Amino acid sequence: MTLKWLAVMVATVSLTLCVTGNAVTLVVNGGQLPVLVNLLALTAAGTAIILAVLADLHDRLNDRVSALTEFLVARLNEIETSAGDRNSGFVEGYLLSHGQEAAVVPFGRRGRGAAER
């Protein structure tokens, strides 16, 4: 059972017990339950309702993020298939134009050591 439906069930049971307890006490004694009992039941029900709403919002947000992720993955796959790997063609063309023994030139040193050379 998900958190949302558990919270809805807790709120329903709390309110039902509060109303039933007050009705039975009214019929038997002509009064009502102590304020602390009523307050506890109403607090539990209110907290459960807020928790149920937040759980529902979380589920909706999670569904939207999942849909957005799927869309982005599909779009990136589409872009990849249409663009291809252009860098590999560039490197292959460079190597073919300069022969198999293309020179690799290292970068010079940076900082204080570069000025001394």
C-alpha atoms as a PDB file:
ATOM      1  CA  MET A   1       0.000   0.000   0.000  1.00  0.00           C
ATOM      2  CA  THR A   2       1.432   3.345  -0.920  1.00  0.00           C
ATOM      3  CA  LEU A   3       1.998   6.155   1.516  1.00  0.00           C
ATOM      4  CA  LYS A   4      -0.825   8.200   0.025  1.00  0.00           C
ATOM      5  CA  TRP A   5      -3.478   5.558   0.566  1.00  0.00           C
ATOM      6  CA  LEU A   6      -2.165   4.680   4.005  1.00  0.00           C
ATOM      7  CA  ALA A   7      -2.467   8.343   5.013  1.00  0.00           C
ATOM      8  CA  VAL A   8      -6.000   8.521   3.608  1.00  0.00           C
ATOM      9  CA  MET A   9      -6.921   5.432   5.604  1.00  0.00           C
ATOM     10  CA  VAL A  10      -5.430   6.873   8.813  1.00  0.00           C
ATOM     11  CA  ALA A  11      -7.354  10.129   8.311  1.00  0.00           C
ATOM     12  CA  THR A  12     -10.601   8.257   7.677  1.00  0.00           C
ATOM     13  CA  VAL A  13     -10.201   6.029  10.714  1.00  0.00           C
ATOM     14  CA  SER A  14      -9.252   8.976  12.953  1.00  0.00           C
ATOM     15  CA  LEU A  15     -12.253  11.044  11.925  1.00  0.00           C
ATOM     16  CA  THR A  16     -14.577   8.050  12.186  1.00  0.00           C
ATOM     17  CA  LEU A  17     -13.366   7.235  15.686  1.00  0.00           C
ATOM     18  CA  CYS A  18     -13.681  10.875  16.747  1.00  0.00           C
ATOM     19  CA  VAL A  19     -17.252  11.203  15.460  1.00  0.00           C
ATOM     20  CA  THR A  20     -18.290   7.784  16.758  1.00  0.00           C
ATOM     21  CA  GLY A  21     -16.755   8.413  20.181  1.00  0.00           C
ATOM     22  CA  ASN A  22     -18.462  11.774  20.482  1.00  0.00           C
ATOM     23  CA  ALA A  23     -21.817  10.317  19.357  1.00  0.00           C
ATOM     24  CA  VAL A  24     -21.631   7.420  21.803  1.00  0.00           C
ATOM     25  CA  THR A  25     -20.579   9.694  24.663  1.00  0.00           C
ATOM     26  CA  LEU A  26     -23.392  12.129  23.810  1.00  0.00           C
ATOM     27  CA  VAL A  27     -26.008   9.353  23.836  1.00  0.00           C
ATOM     28  CA  VAL A  28     -24.732   7.680  27.009  1.00  0.00           C
ATOM     29  CA  ASN A  29     -23.625  10.617  29.176  1.00  0.00           C
ATOM     30  CA  GLY A  30     -25.074  13.612  27.401  1.00  0.00           C
ATOM     31  CA  GLY A  31     -21.585  15.113  26.998  1.00  0.00           C
ATOM     32  CA  GLN A  32     -18.619  14.820  24.726  1.00  0.00           C
ATOM     33  CA  LEU A  33     -15.188  13.234  24.767  1.00  0.00           C
ATOM     34  CA  PRO A  34     -12.400  15.127  26.522  1.00  0.00           C
ATOM     35  CA  VAL A  35     -10.897  17.946  24.482  1.00  0.00           C
ATOM     36  CA  LEU A  36      -7.505  16.226  24.440  1.00  0.00           C
ATOM     37  CA  VAL A  37      -8.957  13.117  22.754  1.00  0.00           C
ATOM     38  CA  ASN A  38     -10.792  15.207  20.158  1.00  0.00           C
ATOM     39  CA  LEU A  39      -7.695  17.312  19.544  1.00  0.00           C
ATOM     40  CA  LEU A  40      -5.523  14.220  19.148  1.00  0.00           C
ATOM     41  CA  ALA A  41      -7.931  12.664  16.648  1.00  0.00           C
ATOM     42  CA  LEU A  42      -8.267  15.871  14.624  1.00  0.00           C
ATOM     43  CA  THR A  43      -4.477  16.417  14.634  1.00  0.00           C
ATOM     44  CA  ALA A  44      -3.867  12.870  13.420  1.00  0.00           C
ATOM     45  CA  ALA A  45      -6.462  13.295  10.678  1.00  0.00           C
ATOM     46  CA  GLY A  46      -5.094  16.677   9.586  1.00  0.00           C
ATOM     47  CA  THR A  47      -1.523  15.407   9.511  1.00  0.00           C
ATOM     48  CA  ALA A  48      -2.579  12.357   7.527  1.00  0.00           C
ATOM     49  CA  ILE A  49      -4.443  14.512   4.990  1.00  0.00           C
ATOM     50  CA  ILE A  50      -1.418  16.779   4.516  1.00  0.00           C
ATOM     51  CA  LEU A  51       0.807  13.717   4.137  1.00  0.00           C
ATOM     52  CA  ALA A  52      -1.566  12.223   1.557  1.00  0.00           C
ATOM     53  CA  VAL A  53      -1.555  15.447  -0.487  1.00  0.00           C
ATOM     54  CA  LEU A  54       2.245  15.662  -0.374  1.00  0.00           C
ATOM     55  CA  ALA A  55       2.578  12.005  -1.366  1.00  0.00           C
ATOM     56  CA  ASP A  56       0.271  12.578  -4.333  1.00  0.00           C
ATOM     57  CA  LEU A  57       2.243  15.639  -5.419  1.00  0.00           C
ATOM     58  CA  HIS A  58       5.458  13.640  -5.123  1.00  0.00           C
ATOM     59  CA  ASP A  59       4.033  10.872  -7.330  1.00  0.00           C
ATOM     60  CA  ARG A  60       2.949  13.399  -9.957  1.00  0.00           C
ATOM     61  CA  LEU A  61       6.327  15.136  -9.921  1.00  0.00           C
ATOM     62  CA  ASN A  62       8.106  11.797 -10.210  1.00  0.00           C
ATOM     63  CA  ASP A  63       5.960  10.880 -13.221  1.00  0.00           C
ATOM     64  CA  ARG A  64       6.743  14.206 -14.901  1.00  0.00           C
ATOM     65  CA  VAL A  65      10.479  13.841 -14.302  1.00  0.00           C
ATOM     66  CA  SER A  66      10.372  10.299 -15.709  1.00  0.00           C
ATOM     67  CA  ALA A  67       8.525  11.485 -18.811  1.00  0.00           C
ATOM     68  CA  LEU A  68      10.980  14.351 -19.273  1.00  0.00           C
ATOM     69  CA  THR A  69      13.917  11.977 -18.903  1.00  0.00           C
ATOM     70  CA  GLU A  70      12.491   9.607 -21.509  1.00  0.00           C
ATOM     71  CA  PHE A  71      11.889  12.517 -23.880  1.00  0.00           C
ATOM     72  CA  LEU A  72      15.437  13.813 -23.445  1.00  0.00           C
ATOM     73  CA  VAL A  73      16.950  10.372 -23.992  1.00  0.00           C
ATOM     74  CA  ALA A  74      14.910   9.920 -27.161  1.00  0.00           C
ATOM     75  CA  ARG A  75      15.864  13.394 -28.401  1.00  0.00           C
ATOM     76  CA  LEU A  76      19.565  12.873 -27.682  1.00  0.00           C
ATOM     77  CA  ASN A  77      19.484   9.524 -29.482  1.00  0.00           C
ATOM     78  CA  GLU A  78      17.830  11.228 -32.453  1.00  0.00           C
ATOM     79  CA  ILE A  79      20.483  13.966 -32.495  1.00  0.00           C
ATOM     80  CA  GLU A  80      23.249  11.380 -32.247  1.00  0.00           C
ATOM     81  CA  THR A  81      21.943   9.385 -35.188  1.00  0.00           C
ATOM     82  CA  SER A  82      21.516  12.463 -37.367  1.00  0.00           C
ATOM     83  CA  ALA A  83      24.843  14.103 -36.497  1.00  0.00           C
ATOM     84  CA  GLY A  84      27.082  11.051 -36.426  1.00  0.00           C
ATOM     85  CA  ASP A  85      30.609  11.173 -35.089  1.00  0.00           C
ATOM     86  CA  ARG A  86      32.160  14.073 -36.958  1.00  0.00           C
ATOM     87  CA  ASN A  87      35.295  14.143 -34.847  1.00  0.00           C
ATOM     88  CA  SER A  88      36.361  10.653 -35.884  1.00  0.00           C
ATOM     89  CA  GLY A  89      36.151  11.676 -39.549  1.00  0.00           C
ATOM     90  CA  PHE A  90      38.266  14.742 -38.833  1.00  0.00           C
ATOM     91  CA  VAL A  91      40.963  12.739 -37.058  1.00  0.00           C
ATOM     92  CA  GLU A  92      41.019  10.074 -39.780  1.00  0.00           C
ATOM     93  CA  GLY A  93      41.281  12.741 -42.470  1.00  0.00           C
ATOM     94  CA  TYR A  94      44.122  14.464 -40.649  1.00  0.00           C
ATOM     95  CA  LEU A  95      46.047  11.235 -40.242  1.00  0.00           C
ATOM     96  CA  LEU A  96      45.535  10.296 -43.902  1.00  0.00           C
ATOM     97  CA  SER A  97      46.706  13.692 -45.151  1.00  0.00           C
ATOM     98  CA  HIS A  98      49.855  13.636 -43.019  1.00  0.00           C
ATOM     99  CA  GLY A  99      50.703   9.978 -43.435  1.00  0.00           C
ATOM    100  CA  GLN A 100      50.687   7.327 -40.760  1.00  0.00           C
ATOM    101  CA  GLU A 101      53.577   8.962 -38.925  1.00  0.00           C
ATOM    102  CA  ALA A 102      51.872  12.194 -37.970  1.00  0.00           C
ATOM    103  CA  ALA A 103      53.952  14.153 -35.509  1.00  0.00           C
ATOM    104  CA  VAL A 104      52.601  14.708 -32.048  1.00  0.00           C
ATOM    105  CA  VAL A 105      53.832  18.000 -30.646  1.00  0.00           C
ATOM    106  CA  PRO A 106      53.701  18.294 -26.858  1.00  0.00           C
ATOM    107  CA  PHE A 107      52.598  21.495 -25.207  1.00  0.00           C
ATOM    108  CA  GLY A 108      55.313  23.677 -23.732  1.00  0.00           C
ATOM    109  CA  ARG A 109      55.645  24.179 -20.007  1.00  0.00           C
ATOM    110  CA  ARG A 110      53.558  26.861 -18.424  1.00  0.00           C
ATOM    111  CA  GLY A 111      54.403  29.180 -15.623  1.00  0.00           C
ATOM    112  CA  ARG A 112      57.913  30.222 -14.556  1.00  0.00           C
ATOM    113  CA  GLY A 113      59.669  27.418 -16.403  1.00  0.00           C
ATOM    114  CA  ALA A 114      58.440  28.576 -19.847  1.00  0.00           C
ATOM    115  CA  ALA A 115      60.129  31.971 -19.587  1.00  0.00           C
ATOM    116  CA  GLU A 116      63.563  30.462 -18.862  1.00  0.00           C
ATOM    117  CA  ARG A 117      63.765  28.554 -22.171  1.00  0.00           C
END
